[in-house]
Amino acid sequence: MNRRKLTIRDETPSDIAAISRITRAAFKTCPYSNDTEHLIINALRAADALTISLVAELDGTPAGHVALSPVTFSDGSTDWFGLGPIAVIPEKQKQGIGTALMNRALEQLRTHNAAGCILVGDPAYYTRFGFTAYPQITHEGVPPENVLALPFTDHLPTGQVTFHKAFSVTE
């Protein structure tokens, strides 16, 4: 059997174009995408708000990416981070790359002494990583079942979560 080598590492400047290509390809057929996910990553990078930016390489070629950035809560809770966008190039999906990116991202957040992680996504996918929808956490315009949190401490924020302003970029 041909074993493929998967490496998860920090983003480098030479990865920027590949990250954009991967992200655009991954979200191209998603009905909820406005084709801005790659722009969000660039805006987070420009604002120095990419706390964690990981690249998945399969046999030395970039195949996936995940971004994490600080979020704010209306109750003033701190040290929480938003996960996303996360993307794997379509022809490499369902091979464990997204899972490896998620696990490494969450591991790194814990080493940053984060209080928790939050995302907007499909509960059918993200609950396997420990994410849960909590009725006390909301995000404007998003159904409550799609606002998923993973606390790393005993404190759970309440109120509205706001992602970095880069998430509203349109061009």
Protein backbone atom coordinates (compact mmCIF):
# COMPACT_ATOMS: atom_id res chain seq x y z
CA MET A 1 0.00 0.00 0.00
CA ASN A 2 1.26 3.47 -0.88
CA ARG A 3 1.43 5.54 2.32
CA ARG A 4 0.95 9.26 1.92
CA LYS A 5 2.71 11.71 4.20
CA LEU A 6 0.50 14.30 5.90
CA THR A 7 2.20 17.21 7.65
CA ILE A 8 0.48 20.00 9.56
CA ARG A 9 2.61 23.11 9.99
CA ASP A 10 2.41 26.86 10.53
CA GLU A 11 1.72 29.03 7.52
CA THR A 12 4.69 30.69 5.84
CA PRO A 13 4.62 33.68 3.46
CA SER A 14 5.17 31.35 0.51
CA ASP A 15 1.86 29.59 1.34
CA ILE A 16 -0.41 32.61 0.80
CA ALA A 17 -1.29 31.92 -2.85
CA ALA A 18 -1.85 28.20 -2.20
CA ILE A 19 -4.08 28.98 0.80
CA SER A 20 -6.23 31.24 -1.40
CA ARG A 21 -6.48 28.56 -4.12
CA ILE A 22 -7.37 25.83 -1.62
CA THR A 23 -9.97 27.98 0.12
CA ARG A 24 -11.64 29.16 -3.10
CA ALA A 25 -11.79 25.60 -4.46
CA ALA A 26 -13.17 24.17 -1.22
CA PHE A 27 -15.97 26.72 -0.94
CA LYS A 28 -16.78 26.99 -4.66
CA THR A 29 -19.81 24.69 -4.52
CA CYS A 30 -20.99 25.54 -1.00
CA PRO A 31 -24.47 27.07 -1.15
CA TYR A 32 -23.78 29.33 1.86
CA SER A 33 -20.53 30.77 0.47
CA ASN A 34 -20.23 34.27 -0.96
CA ASP A 35 -16.75 33.44 -2.31
CA THR A 36 -15.18 35.66 0.34
CA GLU A 37 -13.51 33.04 2.54
CA HIS A 38 -10.09 33.57 0.95
CA LEU A 39 -10.57 37.33 1.36
CA ILE A 40 -11.37 36.83 5.05
CA ILE A 41 -8.07 35.02 5.56
CA ASN A 42 -6.16 37.77 3.74
CA ALA A 43 -7.92 40.46 5.80
CA LEU A 44 -7.17 38.61 9.05
CA ARG A 45 -3.53 38.32 8.00
CA ALA A 46 -3.36 42.04 7.08
CA ALA A 47 -4.88 42.97 10.45
CA ASP A 48 -2.37 40.73 12.27
CA ALA A 49 -5.38 38.84 13.64
CA LEU A 50 -4.42 35.33 12.54
CA THR A 51 -3.62 33.82 15.91
CA ILE A 52 -3.13 30.40 14.35
CA SER A 53 -2.83 29.67 10.63
CA LEU A 54 -2.02 26.07 9.78
CA VAL A 55 -1.32 24.42 6.45
CA ALA A 56 -1.83 20.73 5.76
CA GLU A 57 0.65 19.30 3.28
CA LEU A 58 0.02 15.99 1.60
CA ASP A 59 3.24 14.57 0.16
CA GLY A 60 4.78 18.05 0.32
CA THR A 61 1.94 19.85 -1.48
CA PRO A 62 -0.46 22.20 0.37
CA ALA A 63 -3.88 20.53 0.52
CA GLY A 64 -5.68 22.26 3.42
CA HIS A 65 -5.73 25.25 5.72
CA VAL A 66 -7.34 26.44 8.94
CA ALA A 67 -7.45 29.93 10.44
CA LEU A 68 -8.15 30.96 14.03
CA SER A 69 -8.67 34.51 15.23
CA PRO A 70 -9.87 36.29 18.39
CA VAL A 71 -13.59 36.83 18.96
CA THR A 72 -15.47 39.06 21.38
CA PHE A 73 -18.56 38.36 23.46
CA SER A 74 -21.18 40.82 24.60
CA ASP A 75 -20.65 39.65 28.20
CA GLY A 76 -16.95 40.61 28.03
CA SER A 77 -15.59 37.05 28.09
CA THR A 78 -12.02 36.93 26.84
CA ASP A 79 -9.49 34.49 25.41
CA TRP A 80 -11.94 32.86 23.00
CA PHE A 81 -11.06 32.23 19.38
CA GLY A 82 -13.09 31.71 16.24
CA LEU A 83 -12.21 28.81 13.99
CA GLY A 84 -12.56 29.39 10.30
CA PRO A 85 -12.34 29.30 7.51
CA ILE A 86 -11.16 25.72 7.33
CA ALA A 87 -10.70 24.21 3.88
CA VAL A 88 -9.39 21.13 2.13
CA ILE A 89 -8.95 21.02 -1.63
CA PRO A 90 -11.95 19.08 -3.00
CA GLU A 91 -10.02 16.20 -4.57
CA LYS A 92 -8.29 15.54 -1.22
CA GLN A 93 -11.42 15.69 0.98
CA LYS A 94 -12.56 12.69 3.02
CA GLN A 95 -8.96 11.57 3.58
CA GLY A 96 -8.56 12.81 7.16
CA ILE A 97 -6.90 16.13 6.30
CA GLY A 98 -9.69 18.28 7.78
CA THR A 99 -9.73 16.16 10.93
CA ALA A 100 -5.96 16.50 11.31
CA LEU A 101 -6.19 20.29 10.84
CA MET A 102 -8.99 20.55 13.43
CA ASN A 103 -7.16 18.44 15.99
CA ARG A 104 -3.89 20.37 15.61
CA ALA A 105 -5.69 23.74 15.70
CA LEU A 106 -7.52 22.85 18.92
CA GLU A 107 -4.30 21.47 20.43
CA GLN A 108 -2.49 24.73 19.66
CA LEU A 109 -5.34 26.82 21.09
CA ARG A 110 -5.07 24.90 24.34
CA THR A 111 -1.32 25.62 24.50
CA HIS A 112 -2.15 29.33 24.00
CA ASN A 113 -4.25 29.07 27.21
CA ALA A 114 -7.40 29.88 25.27
CA ALA A 115 -10.69 29.78 27.17
CA GLY A 116 -12.41 28.15 24.23
CA CYS A 117 -13.15 27.99 20.54
CA ILE A 118 -16.27 28.95 18.61
CA LEU A 119 -17.37 28.48 15.02
CA VAL A 120 -20.33 28.68 12.72
CA GLY A 121 -20.86 25.37 11.01
CA ASP A 122 -22.65 22.08 10.58
CA PRO A 123 -23.24 20.33 13.91
CA ALA A 124 -23.20 16.95 12.15
CA TYR A 125 -19.51 17.51 11.39
CA TYR A 126 -18.20 19.56 14.32
CA THR A 127 -19.81 17.76 17.28
CA ARG A 128 -17.29 14.93 16.83
CA PHE A 129 -14.60 17.40 17.93
CA GLY A 130 -16.56 18.30 21.08
CA PHE A 131 -18.37 21.39 19.77
CA THR A 132 -21.90 21.99 21.05
CA ALA A 133 -24.60 24.58 20.41
CA TYR A 134 -25.32 26.49 23.63
CA PRO A 135 -28.56 28.51 23.73
CA GLN A 136 -26.86 31.30 25.69
CA ILE A 137 -24.38 31.98 22.84
CA THR A 138 -25.72 33.69 19.73
CA HIS A 139 -24.39 35.15 16.51
CA GLU A 140 -26.44 37.67 14.59
CA GLY A 141 -28.18 36.18 11.58
CA VAL A 142 -27.10 32.59 12.29
CA PRO A 143 -29.46 29.80 13.42
CA PRO A 144 -28.61 28.86 17.04
CA GLU A 145 -27.89 25.23 16.12
CA ASN A 146 -25.04 26.39 13.86
CA VAL A 147 -23.24 28.49 16.51
CA LEU A 148 -20.99 25.88 18.09
CA ALA A 149 -18.64 26.31 21.03
CA LEU A 150 -15.96 24.23 22.70
CA PRO A 151 -15.05 25.58 26.13
CA PHE A 152 -11.63 24.71 27.56
CA THR A 153 -12.50 26.01 31.04
CA ASP A 154 -15.52 25.96 33.34
CA HIS A 155 -16.62 29.41 32.17
CA LEU A 156 -19.08 29.58 29.29
CA PRO A 157 -19.74 33.01 27.79
CA THR A 158 -23.27 34.29 27.37
CA GLY A 159 -24.63 36.67 24.79
CA GLN A 160 -23.63 37.50 21.27
CA VAL A 161 -20.30 36.48 19.77
CA THR A 162 -18.65 38.78 17.25
CA PHE A 163 -15.99 37.54 14.88
CA HIS A 164 -13.19 39.82 13.69
CA LYS A 165 -14.31 42.57 11.30
CA ALA A 166 -12.39 40.74 8.54
CA PHE A 167 -15.36 38.36 8.36
CA SER A 168 -17.43 41.14 6.78
CA VAL A 169 -14.98 41.76 3.92
CA THR A 170 -16.55 41.65 0.47
CA GLU A 171 -13.64 42.45 -1.87
